[in-house]
């Protein structure tokens, strides 16, 4: 049976504990700022005007992936990439974004939702430089909601337990790309997707 009403949904899921509701804040607390400073990875969710979604990972050394402007604003830098800019194109149509900030080894995460804008320079760009390279853009997010999310998903998945990791269960990135685009040369793909090759173009 399709679930089509909030009442049906609540009948199955129930209602959140008051603490879960009350932990949501409209601005950053010092513990949120400390988390963002220690975080090396953020997932950015965006949507275009028609509701088509995109989620993009943003990774940098801790302290460089999110810049706290003040208790109501953060900035996420953009580095050289594949130039698809799906999320940025979405923001131009619909400024509402959601983020999840992850710290390796921790099951809990920090979620920030708000309205975003794209900037090509700001006085904090120098602070976000890595290996001498400033960001090419930044996404500034005005905080509307910020809260910590519990660790159940990470505990269920055993994400941080290396003994559960099976990266070789799937073919290499080059082989996967070859399967999707058979006209490409596999040997060239293997070289292009080597980690040492990728690292040349990170910044």
N, C-alpha and C. Protein backbone atom coordinates (compact mmCIF):
# COMPACT_ATOMS: atom_id res chain seq x y z
N UNK A 1 0.84 -1.20 0.00
CA UNK A 1 0.00 0.00 0.00
C UNK A 1 0.87 1.25 0.00
N UNK A 2 0.55 2.19 -0.84
CA UNK A 2 1.27 3.45 -0.86
C UNK A 2 0.92 4.27 0.37
N UNK A 3 1.92 4.93 0.91
CA UNK A 3 1.71 5.86 2.02
C UNK A 3 1.54 7.24 1.41
N UNK A 4 0.38 7.85 1.61
CA UNK A 4 0.06 9.10 0.91
C UNK A 4 -0.29 10.25 1.84
N UNK A 5 -0.36 9.99 3.14
CA UNK A 5 -0.72 11.06 4.07
C UNK A 5 0.22 11.07 5.27
N UNK A 6 0.41 12.23 5.90
CA UNK A 6 1.22 12.28 7.12
C UNK A 6 0.68 11.36 8.21
N UNK A 7 -0.62 11.21 8.29
CA UNK A 7 -1.23 10.36 9.31
C UNK A 7 -0.82 8.90 9.12
N UNK A 8 -0.84 8.43 7.87
CA UNK A 8 -0.42 7.05 7.60
C UNK A 8 1.05 6.86 7.97
N UNK A 9 1.85 7.84 7.61
CA UNK A 9 3.29 7.76 7.89
C UNK A 9 3.54 7.70 9.39
N UNK A 10 2.87 8.57 10.15
CA UNK A 10 3.06 8.60 11.60
C UNK A 10 2.55 7.33 12.27
N UNK A 11 1.51 6.73 11.71
CA UNK A 11 0.99 5.50 12.29
C UNK A 11 2.03 4.39 12.26
N UNK A 12 2.87 4.40 11.23
CA UNK A 12 3.92 3.38 11.10
C UNK A 12 5.19 3.78 11.85
N UNK A 13 5.63 5.02 11.65
CA UNK A 13 6.91 5.46 12.18
C UNK A 13 6.81 5.97 13.61
N UNK A 14 5.69 6.60 13.93
CA UNK A 14 5.54 7.22 15.23
C UNK A 14 6.00 8.66 15.21
N UNK A 15 6.12 9.27 16.40
CA UNK A 15 6.51 10.67 16.52
C UNK A 15 7.88 10.77 17.19
N UNK A 16 8.69 11.76 16.80
CA UNK A 16 10.02 11.88 17.39
C UNK A 16 9.95 12.30 18.86
N UNK A 17 10.99 11.90 19.60
CA UNK A 17 11.12 12.34 20.99
C UNK A 17 11.27 13.86 21.00
N UNK A 18 10.73 14.55 21.99
CA UNK A 18 10.86 16.01 22.02
C UNK A 18 12.29 16.52 21.87
N UNK A 19 13.26 15.79 22.40
CA UNK A 19 14.65 16.21 22.28
C UNK A 19 15.10 16.26 20.83
N UNK A 20 14.60 15.31 20.03
CA UNK A 20 14.96 15.26 18.62
C UNK A 20 14.44 16.49 17.89
N UNK A 21 13.29 16.97 18.29
CA UNK A 21 12.71 18.17 17.68
C UNK A 21 13.42 19.42 18.19
N UNK A 22 13.66 19.46 19.49
CA UNK A 22 14.20 20.66 20.12
C UNK A 22 15.67 20.91 19.82
N UNK A 23 16.40 19.89 19.34
CA UNK A 23 17.83 20.08 19.08
C UNK A 23 18.09 20.93 17.82
N UNK A 24 17.08 21.13 17.01
CA UNK A 24 17.25 21.91 15.78
C UNK A 24 17.37 23.39 16.14
N UNK A 25 18.44 24.03 15.64
CA UNK A 25 18.69 25.44 15.94
C UNK A 25 18.72 26.24 14.64
N UNK A 26 18.48 27.56 14.71
CA UNK A 26 18.54 28.41 13.52
C UNK A 26 19.91 29.05 13.30
N UNK A 27 20.86 28.77 14.18
CA UNK A 27 22.19 29.35 14.05
C UNK A 27 23.21 28.39 14.65
N UNK A 28 24.48 28.63 14.34
CA UNK A 28 25.54 27.73 14.77
C UNK A 28 25.93 27.97 16.23
N UNK A 29 25.99 26.90 16.99
CA UNK A 29 26.53 26.89 18.34
C UNK A 29 28.03 26.62 18.23
N UNK A 30 28.79 26.89 19.28
CA UNK A 30 30.24 26.68 19.22
C UNK A 30 30.60 25.21 18.97
N UNK A 31 29.72 24.26 19.41
CA UNK A 31 30.02 22.85 19.14
C UNK A 31 29.82 22.53 17.66
N UNK A 32 28.87 23.22 17.00
CA UNK A 32 28.70 23.05 15.56
C UNK A 32 29.93 23.57 14.82
N UNK A 33 30.44 24.70 15.25
CA UNK A 33 31.62 25.30 14.62
C UNK A 33 32.83 24.39 14.80
N UNK A 34 32.98 23.82 15.99
CA UNK A 34 34.10 22.90 16.23
C UNK A 34 34.01 21.68 15.31
N UNK A 35 32.79 21.19 15.12
CA UNK A 35 32.59 20.04 14.23
C UNK A 35 32.98 20.39 12.80
N UNK A 36 32.51 21.52 12.31
CA UNK A 36 32.83 21.92 10.94
C UNK A 36 34.32 22.14 10.75
N UNK A 37 35.00 22.61 11.77
CA UNK A 37 36.45 22.82 11.69
C UNK A 37 37.19 21.50 11.58
N UNK A 38 36.65 20.45 12.21
CA UNK A 38 37.31 19.14 12.20
C UNK A 38 36.88 18.27 11.03
N UNK A 39 35.90 18.72 10.26
CA UNK A 39 35.30 17.90 9.22
C UNK A 39 36.08 17.98 7.90
N UNK A 40 36.38 16.83 7.26
CA UNK A 40 37.02 16.84 5.95
C UNK A 40 36.09 16.51 4.77
N UNK A 41 34.83 16.22 5.06
CA UNK A 41 33.92 15.79 4.00
C UNK A 41 32.51 16.29 4.26
N UNK A 42 31.91 16.90 3.22
CA UNK A 42 30.53 17.38 3.29
C UNK A 42 29.78 16.86 2.06
N UNK A 43 28.57 16.43 2.26
CA UNK A 43 27.69 16.06 1.14
C UNK A 43 26.67 17.18 0.96
N UNK A 44 26.58 17.67 -0.27
CA UNK A 44 25.73 18.82 -0.60
C UNK A 44 24.56 18.37 -1.47
N UNK A 45 23.35 18.56 -0.99
CA UNK A 45 22.14 18.21 -1.74
C UNK A 45 21.49 19.47 -2.28
N UNK A 46 21.16 19.43 -3.57
CA UNK A 46 20.51 20.56 -4.24
C UNK A 46 19.35 20.04 -5.09
N UNK A 47 18.51 20.97 -5.54
CA UNK A 47 17.38 20.61 -6.39
C UNK A 47 17.14 21.74 -7.38
N UNK A 48 16.79 21.38 -8.60
CA UNK A 48 16.46 22.43 -9.56
C UNK A 48 15.02 22.89 -9.36
N UNK A 49 14.56 23.80 -10.20
CA UNK A 49 13.22 24.36 -10.03
C UNK A 49 12.13 23.30 -10.19
N UNK A 50 12.43 22.23 -10.90
CA UNK A 50 11.44 21.17 -11.11
C UNK A 50 11.49 20.07 -10.07
N UNK A 51 12.40 20.19 -9.10
CA UNK A 51 12.49 19.19 -8.05
C UNK A 51 13.45 18.06 -8.33
N UNK A 52 14.19 18.11 -9.44
CA UNK A 52 15.19 17.07 -9.74
C UNK A 52 16.41 17.29 -8.85
N UNK A 53 16.83 16.23 -8.18
CA UNK A 53 17.82 16.33 -7.11
C UNK A 53 19.22 15.95 -7.55
N UNK A 54 20.19 16.45 -6.79
CA UNK A 54 21.59 16.08 -6.97
C UNK A 54 22.24 16.09 -5.59
N UNK A 55 23.13 15.14 -5.35
CA UNK A 55 23.94 15.14 -4.13
C UNK A 55 25.39 15.02 -4.55
N UNK A 56 26.22 15.94 -4.05
CA UNK A 56 27.62 15.99 -4.45
C UNK A 56 28.53 15.97 -3.22
N UNK A 57 29.58 15.11 -3.23
CA UNK A 57 30.54 15.12 -2.12
C UNK A 57 31.54 16.25 -2.29
N UNK A 58 31.90 16.89 -1.18
CA UNK A 58 32.91 17.93 -1.17
C UNK A 58 33.96 17.55 -0.13
N UNK A 59 35.19 17.34 -0.57
CA UNK A 59 36.22 16.90 0.36
C UNK A 59 37.47 17.76 0.28
N UNK A 60 38.06 18.03 1.43
CA UNK A 60 39.28 18.82 1.56
C UNK A 60 39.91 18.48 2.90
N UNK A 61 41.13 18.94 3.16
CA UNK A 61 41.67 18.77 4.50
C UNK A 61 40.74 19.42 5.52
N UNK A 62 40.70 18.86 6.72
CA UNK A 62 39.89 19.44 7.79
C UNK A 62 40.22 20.91 7.96
N UNK A 63 39.18 21.71 8.11
CA UNK A 63 39.36 23.15 8.23
C UNK A 63 39.30 23.88 6.91
N UNK A 64 39.33 23.13 5.81
CA UNK A 64 39.31 23.75 4.48
C UNK A 64 38.05 23.43 3.68
N UNK A 65 37.26 22.48 4.15
CA UNK A 65 36.07 22.08 3.38
C UNK A 65 34.85 22.93 3.73
N UNK A 66 34.86 23.54 4.90
CA UNK A 66 33.79 24.46 5.30
C UNK A 66 34.44 25.65 6.00
N UNK A 67 34.04 26.84 5.62
CA UNK A 67 34.49 28.06 6.31
C UNK A 67 33.29 28.66 7.03
N UNK A 68 33.46 28.91 8.32
CA UNK A 68 32.39 29.53 9.10
C UNK A 68 32.56 31.05 9.00
N UNK A 69 31.62 31.70 8.35
CA UNK A 69 31.65 33.16 8.20
C UNK A 69 31.19 33.81 9.50
N UNK A 70 30.06 33.35 10.00
CA UNK A 70 29.54 33.78 11.31
C UNK A 70 28.54 32.72 11.73
N UNK A 71 27.79 32.98 12.82
CA UNK A 71 26.92 31.92 13.33
C UNK A 71 25.68 31.67 12.48
N UNK A 72 25.51 32.43 11.39
CA UNK A 72 24.39 32.22 10.48
C UNK A 72 24.82 31.89 9.06
N UNK A 73 26.12 31.87 8.81
CA UNK A 73 26.58 31.67 7.43
C UNK A 73 27.83 30.79 7.38
N UNK A 74 27.85 29.86 6.43
CA UNK A 74 29.03 29.07 6.14
C UNK A 74 29.33 29.17 4.65
N UNK A 75 30.55 28.78 4.27
CA UNK A 75 30.93 28.75 2.86
C UNK A 75 31.61 27.42 2.56
N UNK A 76 31.25 26.83 1.44
CA UNK A 76 31.84 25.56 0.99
C UNK A 76 32.60 25.86 -0.30
N UNK A 77 33.93 25.66 -0.31
CA UNK A 77 34.71 26.01 -1.49
C UNK A 77 34.53 25.01 -2.63
N UNK A 78 34.74 25.49 -3.84
CA UNK A 78 34.74 24.64 -5.03
C UNK A 78 36.15 24.56 -5.58
N UNK A 79 36.57 23.34 -5.89
CA UNK A 79 37.90 23.08 -6.45
C UNK A 79 37.78 22.63 -7.91
N UNK A 80 38.88 22.56 -8.64
CA UNK A 80 38.80 22.05 -10.02
C UNK A 80 38.20 20.64 -10.04
N UNK A 81 37.30 20.40 -10.98
CA UNK A 81 36.63 19.10 -11.04
C UNK A 81 36.24 18.76 -12.46
N UNK A 82 35.13 18.05 -12.61
CA UNK A 82 34.73 17.57 -13.93
C UNK A 82 33.92 18.60 -14.72
N UNK A 83 33.67 19.76 -14.10
CA UNK A 83 33.00 20.89 -14.77
C UNK A 83 31.51 20.65 -15.05
N UNK A 84 30.93 19.60 -14.47
CA UNK A 84 29.48 19.40 -14.65
C UNK A 84 28.68 20.46 -13.89
N UNK A 85 29.15 20.85 -12.72
CA UNK A 85 28.51 21.85 -11.86
C UNK A 85 27.00 21.64 -11.71
N UNK A 86 26.58 20.39 -11.58
CA UNK A 86 25.14 20.11 -11.46
C UNK A 86 24.52 20.85 -10.28
N UNK A 87 25.19 20.80 -9.12
CA UNK A 87 24.64 21.45 -7.94
C UNK A 87 24.57 22.95 -8.07
N UNK A 88 25.57 23.55 -8.68
CA UNK A 88 25.59 24.99 -8.84
C UNK A 88 24.50 25.46 -9.82
N UNK A 89 24.31 24.69 -10.87
CA UNK A 89 23.21 25.02 -11.79
C UNK A 89 21.86 24.93 -11.07
N UNK A 90 21.74 23.94 -10.19
CA UNK A 90 20.51 23.83 -9.40
C UNK A 90 20.30 25.05 -8.51
N UNK A 91 21.37 25.49 -7.84
CA UNK A 91 21.27 26.63 -6.92
C UNK A 91 20.82 27.89 -7.66
N UNK A 92 21.24 28.03 -8.92
CA UNK A 92 20.81 29.19 -9.70
C UNK A 92 19.30 29.19 -9.92
N UNK A 93 18.69 28.00 -9.90
CA UNK A 93 17.24 27.90 -10.06
C UNK A 93 16.51 27.83 -8.72
N UNK A 94 17.16 27.20 -7.73
CA UNK A 94 16.51 26.95 -6.45
C UNK A 94 17.59 27.02 -5.36
N UNK A 95 17.60 28.06 -4.53
CA UNK A 95 18.69 28.25 -3.58
C UNK A 95 18.68 27.32 -2.37
N UNK A 96 17.64 26.54 -2.18
CA UNK A 96 17.54 25.72 -0.98
C UNK A 96 18.47 24.50 -1.07
N UNK A 97 19.31 24.32 -0.05
CA UNK A 97 20.28 23.22 -0.06
C UNK A 97 20.25 22.52 1.30
N UNK A 98 20.75 21.29 1.29
CA UNK A 98 20.96 20.53 2.53
C UNK A 98 22.36 19.98 2.54
N UNK A 99 22.98 19.90 3.70
CA UNK A 99 24.34 19.38 3.81
C UNK A 99 24.43 18.38 4.96
N UNK A 100 25.35 17.44 4.81
CA UNK A 100 25.72 16.54 5.90
C UNK A 100 27.23 16.58 6.02
N UNK A 101 27.73 16.94 7.20
CA UNK A 101 29.16 17.04 7.46
C UNK A 101 29.60 15.79 8.23
N UNK A 102 30.62 15.11 7.69
CA UNK A 102 31.06 13.81 8.21
C UNK A 102 32.47 13.91 8.75
N UNK A 103 32.69 13.25 9.89
CA UNK A 103 34.03 13.10 10.44
C UNK A 103 34.36 11.61 10.45
N UNK A 104 35.41 11.18 9.76
CA UNK A 104 35.74 9.75 9.70
C UNK A 104 35.85 9.13 11.09
N UNK A 105 35.23 7.96 11.23
CA UNK A 105 35.26 7.26 12.50
C UNK A 105 34.11 7.60 13.42
N UNK A 106 33.39 8.68 13.12
CA UNK A 106 32.25 9.08 13.95
C UNK A 106 30.96 8.62 13.27
N UNK A 107 30.03 8.11 14.06
CA UNK A 107 28.74 7.71 13.52
C UNK A 107 27.76 8.87 13.40
N UNK A 108 27.87 9.85 14.31
CA UNK A 108 26.99 10.99 14.23
C UNK A 108 27.46 11.95 13.15
N UNK A 109 26.55 12.73 12.62
CA UNK A 109 26.86 13.69 11.57
C UNK A 109 26.18 15.02 11.91
N UNK A 110 26.60 16.07 11.22
CA UNK A 110 26.00 17.39 11.41
C UNK A 110 25.26 17.78 10.15
N UNK A 111 24.01 18.16 10.30
CA UNK A 111 23.19 18.55 9.14
C UNK A 111 22.91 20.05 9.19
N UNK A 112 23.08 20.70 8.06
CA UNK A 112 22.77 22.11 7.93
C UNK A 112 21.91 22.29 6.68
N UNK A 113 20.77 22.93 6.84
CA UNK A 113 19.89 23.26 5.73
C UNK A 113 19.76 24.77 5.64
N UNK A 114 19.67 25.29 4.43
CA UNK A 114 19.54 26.74 4.30
C UNK A 114 19.45 27.18 2.86
N UNK A 115 19.61 28.47 2.66
CA UNK A 115 19.54 29.08 1.33
C UNK A 115 20.95 29.46 0.89
N UNK A 116 21.28 29.15 -0.36
CA UNK A 116 22.65 29.30 -0.84
C UNK A 116 22.77 30.32 -1.97
N UNK A 117 23.97 30.83 -2.11
CA UNK A 117 24.32 31.66 -3.26
C UNK A 117 25.76 31.34 -3.65
N UNK A 118 26.09 31.58 -4.90
CA UNK A 118 27.42 31.29 -5.43
C UNK A 118 28.23 32.58 -5.52
N UNK A 119 29.46 32.57 -5.05
CA UNK A 119 30.33 33.74 -5.14
C UNK A 119 31.66 33.34 -5.78
N UNK A 120 32.28 34.29 -6.49
CA UNK A 120 33.56 33.99 -7.15
C UNK A 120 34.76 34.56 -6.41
N UNK A 121 34.52 35.26 -5.30
CA UNK A 121 35.62 35.76 -4.47
C UNK A 121 35.04 36.29 -3.17
N UNK A 122 35.85 36.27 -2.14
CA UNK A 122 35.46 36.83 -0.83
C UNK A 122 36.72 36.94 0.00
N UNK A 123 36.64 37.67 1.11
CA UNK A 123 37.84 37.91 1.91
C UNK A 123 38.36 36.65 2.60
N UNK A 124 37.57 35.56 2.62
CA UNK A 124 38.01 34.32 3.25
C UNK A 124 38.62 33.32 2.25
N UNK A 125 38.65 33.65 0.96
CA UNK A 125 39.19 32.71 -0.03
C UNK A 125 40.65 32.35 0.26
N UNK A 126 41.43 33.31 0.73
CA UNK A 126 42.83 33.01 1.07
C UNK A 126 42.91 31.98 2.19
N UNK A 127 41.98 32.04 3.15
CA UNK A 127 41.98 31.08 4.26
C UNK A 127 41.66 29.67 3.79
N UNK A 128 41.01 29.55 2.65
CA UNK A 128 40.62 28.24 2.14
C UNK A 128 41.59 27.70 1.09
N UNK A 129 42.70 28.39 0.89
CA UNK A 129 43.69 27.92 -0.08
C UNK A 129 44.32 26.60 0.39
N UNK A 130 44.53 25.69 -0.55
CA UNK A 130 45.22 24.43 -0.29
C UNK A 130 46.35 24.30 -1.31
N UNK A 131 47.55 24.03 -0.83
CA UNK A 131 48.73 23.95 -1.70
C UNK A 131 48.86 25.21 -2.54
N UNK A 132 48.52 26.33 -1.94
CA UNK A 132 48.66 27.62 -2.61
C UNK A 132 47.55 27.96 -3.58
N UNK A 133 46.56 27.08 -3.70
CA UNK A 133 45.49 27.30 -4.67
C UNK A 133 44.21 27.73 -3.96
N UNK A 134 43.70 28.93 -4.29
CA UNK A 134 42.45 29.40 -3.73
C UNK A 134 41.28 28.69 -4.41
N UNK A 135 40.11 28.65 -3.77
CA UNK A 135 38.93 28.07 -4.43
C UNK A 135 38.61 28.83 -5.72
N UNK A 136 37.99 28.13 -6.66
CA UNK A 136 37.56 28.82 -7.88
C UNK A 136 36.19 29.46 -7.69
N UNK A 137 35.42 28.95 -6.75
CA UNK A 137 34.11 29.48 -6.37
C UNK A 137 33.87 29.10 -4.92
N UNK A 138 32.81 29.63 -4.34
CA UNK A 138 32.35 29.14 -3.04
C UNK A 138 30.83 29.22 -3.01
N UNK A 139 30.25 28.29 -2.28
CA UNK A 139 28.81 28.30 -2.06
C UNK A 139 28.57 28.79 -0.64
N UNK A 140 27.99 29.97 -0.51
CA UNK A 140 27.66 30.51 0.80
C UNK A 140 26.25 30.06 1.18
N UNK A 141 26.12 29.52 2.37
CA UNK A 141 24.84 29.00 2.83
C UNK A 141 24.40 29.79 4.06
N UNK A 142 23.21 30.37 3.99
CA UNK A 142 22.60 31.01 5.15
C UNK A 142 21.88 29.94 5.96
N UNK A 143 22.32 29.74 7.18
CA UNK A 143 21.80 28.64 8.01
C UNK A 143 20.35 28.90 8.39
N UNK A 144 19.50 27.92 8.09
CA UNK A 144 18.11 27.96 8.54
C UNK A 144 17.86 26.90 9.61
N UNK A 145 18.50 25.74 9.45
CA UNK A 145 18.41 24.66 10.43
C UNK A 145 19.77 24.01 10.58
N UNK A 146 20.16 23.73 11.82
CA UNK A 146 21.39 22.98 12.08
C UNK A 146 21.14 22.04 13.24
N UNK A 147 21.54 20.78 13.07
CA UNK A 147 21.36 19.80 14.15
C UNK A 147 22.23 18.58 13.90
N UNK A 148 22.54 17.89 14.99
CA UNK A 148 23.29 16.64 14.90
C UNK A 148 22.34 15.49 14.61
N UNK A 149 22.83 14.56 13.78
CA UNK A 149 22.05 13.38 13.41
C UNK A 149 22.68 12.16 14.07
N UNK A 150 21.87 11.26 14.59
CA UNK A 150 22.38 10.12 15.35
C UNK A 150 23.16 9.15 14.46
N UNK A 151 23.80 8.18 15.12
CA UNK A 151 24.76 7.30 14.43
C UNK A 151 24.17 6.00 13.90
N UNK A 152 22.85 5.81 13.97
CA UNK A 152 22.28 4.50 13.63
C UNK A 152 22.64 4.03 12.22
N UNK A 153 22.61 4.93 11.24
CA UNK A 153 22.90 4.51 9.86
C UNK A 153 24.32 3.99 9.73
N UNK A 154 25.27 4.67 10.39
CA UNK A 154 26.66 4.25 10.32
C UNK A 154 26.88 2.96 11.09
N UNK A 155 26.17 2.77 12.20
CA UNK A 155 26.28 1.53 12.96
C UNK A 155 25.70 0.37 12.17
N UNK A 156 24.57 0.60 11.51
CA UNK A 156 23.96 -0.48 10.72
C UNK A 156 24.87 -0.90 9.57
N UNK A 157 25.53 0.07 8.97
CA UNK A 157 26.35 -0.23 7.79
C UNK A 157 27.76 -0.68 8.13
N UNK A 158 28.17 -0.50 9.42
CA UNK A 158 29.57 -0.79 9.82
C UNK A 158 30.55 -0.03 8.94
N UNK A 159 30.19 1.20 8.59
CA UNK A 159 30.97 1.94 7.60
C UNK A 159 32.43 2.14 7.99
N UNK A 160 32.68 2.35 9.27
CA UNK A 160 34.04 2.66 9.69
C UNK A 160 34.82 1.43 10.16
N UNK A 161 34.30 0.23 9.92
CA UNK A 161 35.02 -1.00 10.29
C UNK A 161 35.77 -1.53 9.08
N UNK A 162 37.09 -1.34 9.03
CA UNK A 162 37.86 -1.78 7.86
C UNK A 162 37.71 -3.27 7.55
N UNK A 163 37.45 -4.09 8.58
CA UNK A 163 37.32 -5.53 8.33
C UNK A 163 36.07 -5.87 7.52
N UNK A 164 35.15 -4.89 7.37
CA UNK A 164 33.94 -5.13 6.56
C UNK A 164 34.08 -4.58 5.15
N UNK A 165 35.17 -3.88 4.87
CA UNK A 165 35.32 -3.23 3.56
C UNK A 165 35.65 -4.26 2.49
N UNK A 166 35.00 -4.15 1.34
CA UNK A 166 35.26 -5.06 0.21
C UNK A 166 35.36 -4.25 -1.08
N UNK A 167 36.37 -3.37 -1.19
CA UNK A 167 36.47 -2.53 -2.40
C UNK A 167 36.67 -3.32 -3.68
N UNK A 168 37.22 -4.54 -3.58
CA UNK A 168 37.47 -5.34 -4.77
C UNK A 168 36.25 -6.18 -5.18
N UNK A 169 35.13 -5.98 -4.51
CA UNK A 169 33.92 -6.71 -4.90
C UNK A 169 33.39 -6.23 -6.24
N UNK A 170 33.83 -5.04 -6.66
CA UNK A 170 33.42 -4.49 -7.95
C UNK A 170 34.65 -4.25 -8.81
N UNK A 171 34.49 -4.17 -10.13
CA UNK A 171 35.62 -3.90 -11.01
C UNK A 171 36.21 -2.52 -10.75
N UNK A 172 37.36 -2.25 -11.31
CA UNK A 172 38.00 -0.95 -11.18
C UNK A 172 37.13 0.14 -11.82
N UNK A 173 37.42 1.38 -11.47
CA UNK A 173 36.68 2.51 -12.06
C UNK A 173 36.83 2.51 -13.57
N UNK A 174 38.02 2.17 -14.04
CA UNK A 174 38.26 2.12 -15.49
C UNK A 174 37.37 1.07 -16.15
N UNK A 175 37.28 -0.12 -15.54
CA UNK A 175 36.45 -1.18 -16.12
C UNK A 175 34.97 -0.81 -16.10
N UNK A 176 34.55 -0.14 -15.02
CA UNK A 176 33.15 0.29 -14.95
C UNK A 176 32.86 1.32 -16.04
N UNK A 177 33.79 2.26 -16.22
CA UNK A 177 33.62 3.27 -17.27
C UNK A 177 33.59 2.62 -18.65
N UNK A 178 34.45 1.64 -18.86
CA UNK A 178 34.49 0.91 -20.13
C UNK A 178 33.17 0.19 -20.38
N UNK A 179 32.57 -0.37 -19.32
CA UNK A 179 31.30 -1.07 -19.48
C UNK A 179 30.19 -0.11 -19.90
N UNK A 180 30.22 1.11 -19.38
CA UNK A 180 29.20 2.10 -19.71
C UNK A 180 29.48 2.75 -21.06
N UNK A 181 30.77 2.97 -21.34
CA UNK A 181 31.19 3.62 -22.59
C UNK A 181 32.17 2.70 -23.31
N UNK A 182 31.67 1.64 -23.97
CA UNK A 182 32.55 0.62 -24.55
C UNK A 182 33.48 1.13 -25.65
N UNK A 183 33.19 2.29 -26.21
CA UNK A 183 34.05 2.81 -27.28
C UNK A 183 35.38 3.34 -26.76
N UNK A 184 35.51 3.54 -25.45
CA UNK A 184 36.75 4.07 -24.88
C UNK A 184 37.80 2.98 -24.71
N UNK A 185 39.07 3.37 -24.73
CA UNK A 185 40.18 2.44 -24.60
C UNK A 185 40.43 2.14 -23.13
N UNK A 186 40.40 0.85 -22.77
CA UNK A 186 40.51 0.49 -21.36
C UNK A 186 41.88 0.81 -20.78
N UNK A 187 42.93 0.60 -21.56
CA UNK A 187 44.28 0.88 -21.06
C UNK A 187 44.43 2.37 -20.74
N UNK A 188 43.91 3.22 -21.60
CA UNK A 188 43.96 4.66 -21.35
C UNK A 188 43.14 5.03 -20.12
N UNK A 189 42.00 4.36 -19.95
CA UNK A 189 41.17 4.62 -18.78
C UNK A 189 41.88 4.21 -17.50
N UNK A 190 42.53 3.04 -17.52
CA UNK A 190 43.25 2.58 -16.33
C UNK A 190 44.30 3.60 -15.90
N UNK A 191 45.02 4.16 -16.87
CA UNK A 191 46.03 5.16 -16.54
C UNK A 191 45.37 6.44 -16.02
N UNK A 192 44.29 6.86 -16.68
CA UNK A 192 43.63 8.11 -16.29
C UNK A 192 43.05 8.05 -14.89
N UNK A 193 42.61 6.86 -14.47
CA UNK A 193 41.97 6.73 -13.16
C UNK A 193 42.93 6.30 -12.05
N UNK A 194 44.22 6.20 -12.36
CA UNK A 194 45.18 5.91 -11.29
C UNK A 194 45.16 7.04 -10.26
N UNK A 195 45.27 6.67 -8.99
CA UNK A 195 45.22 7.67 -7.93
C UNK A 195 46.32 8.72 -8.11
N UNK A 196 47.51 8.28 -8.50
CA UNK A 196 48.61 9.23 -8.68
C UNK A 196 48.29 10.25 -9.77
N UNK A 197 47.55 9.81 -10.78
CA UNK A 197 47.17 10.72 -11.87
C UNK A 197 46.12 11.70 -11.37
N UNK A 198 45.12 11.20 -10.64
CA UNK A 198 44.07 12.06 -10.09
C UNK A 198 44.65 13.14 -9.18
N UNK A 199 45.63 12.74 -8.37
CA UNK A 199 46.16 13.67 -7.37
C UNK A 199 46.87 14.86 -8.01
N UNK A 200 47.26 14.74 -9.26
CA UNK A 200 47.90 15.86 -9.95
C UNK A 200 46.93 17.01 -10.16
N UNK A 201 45.62 16.72 -10.14
CA UNK A 201 44.63 17.72 -10.54
C UNK A 201 43.65 18.06 -9.42
N UNK A 202 44.05 17.82 -8.17
CA UNK A 202 43.15 18.09 -7.05
C UNK A 202 42.98 19.57 -6.78
N UNK A 203 44.04 20.36 -6.99
CA UNK A 203 43.99 21.80 -6.67
C UNK A 203 44.61 22.63 -7.77
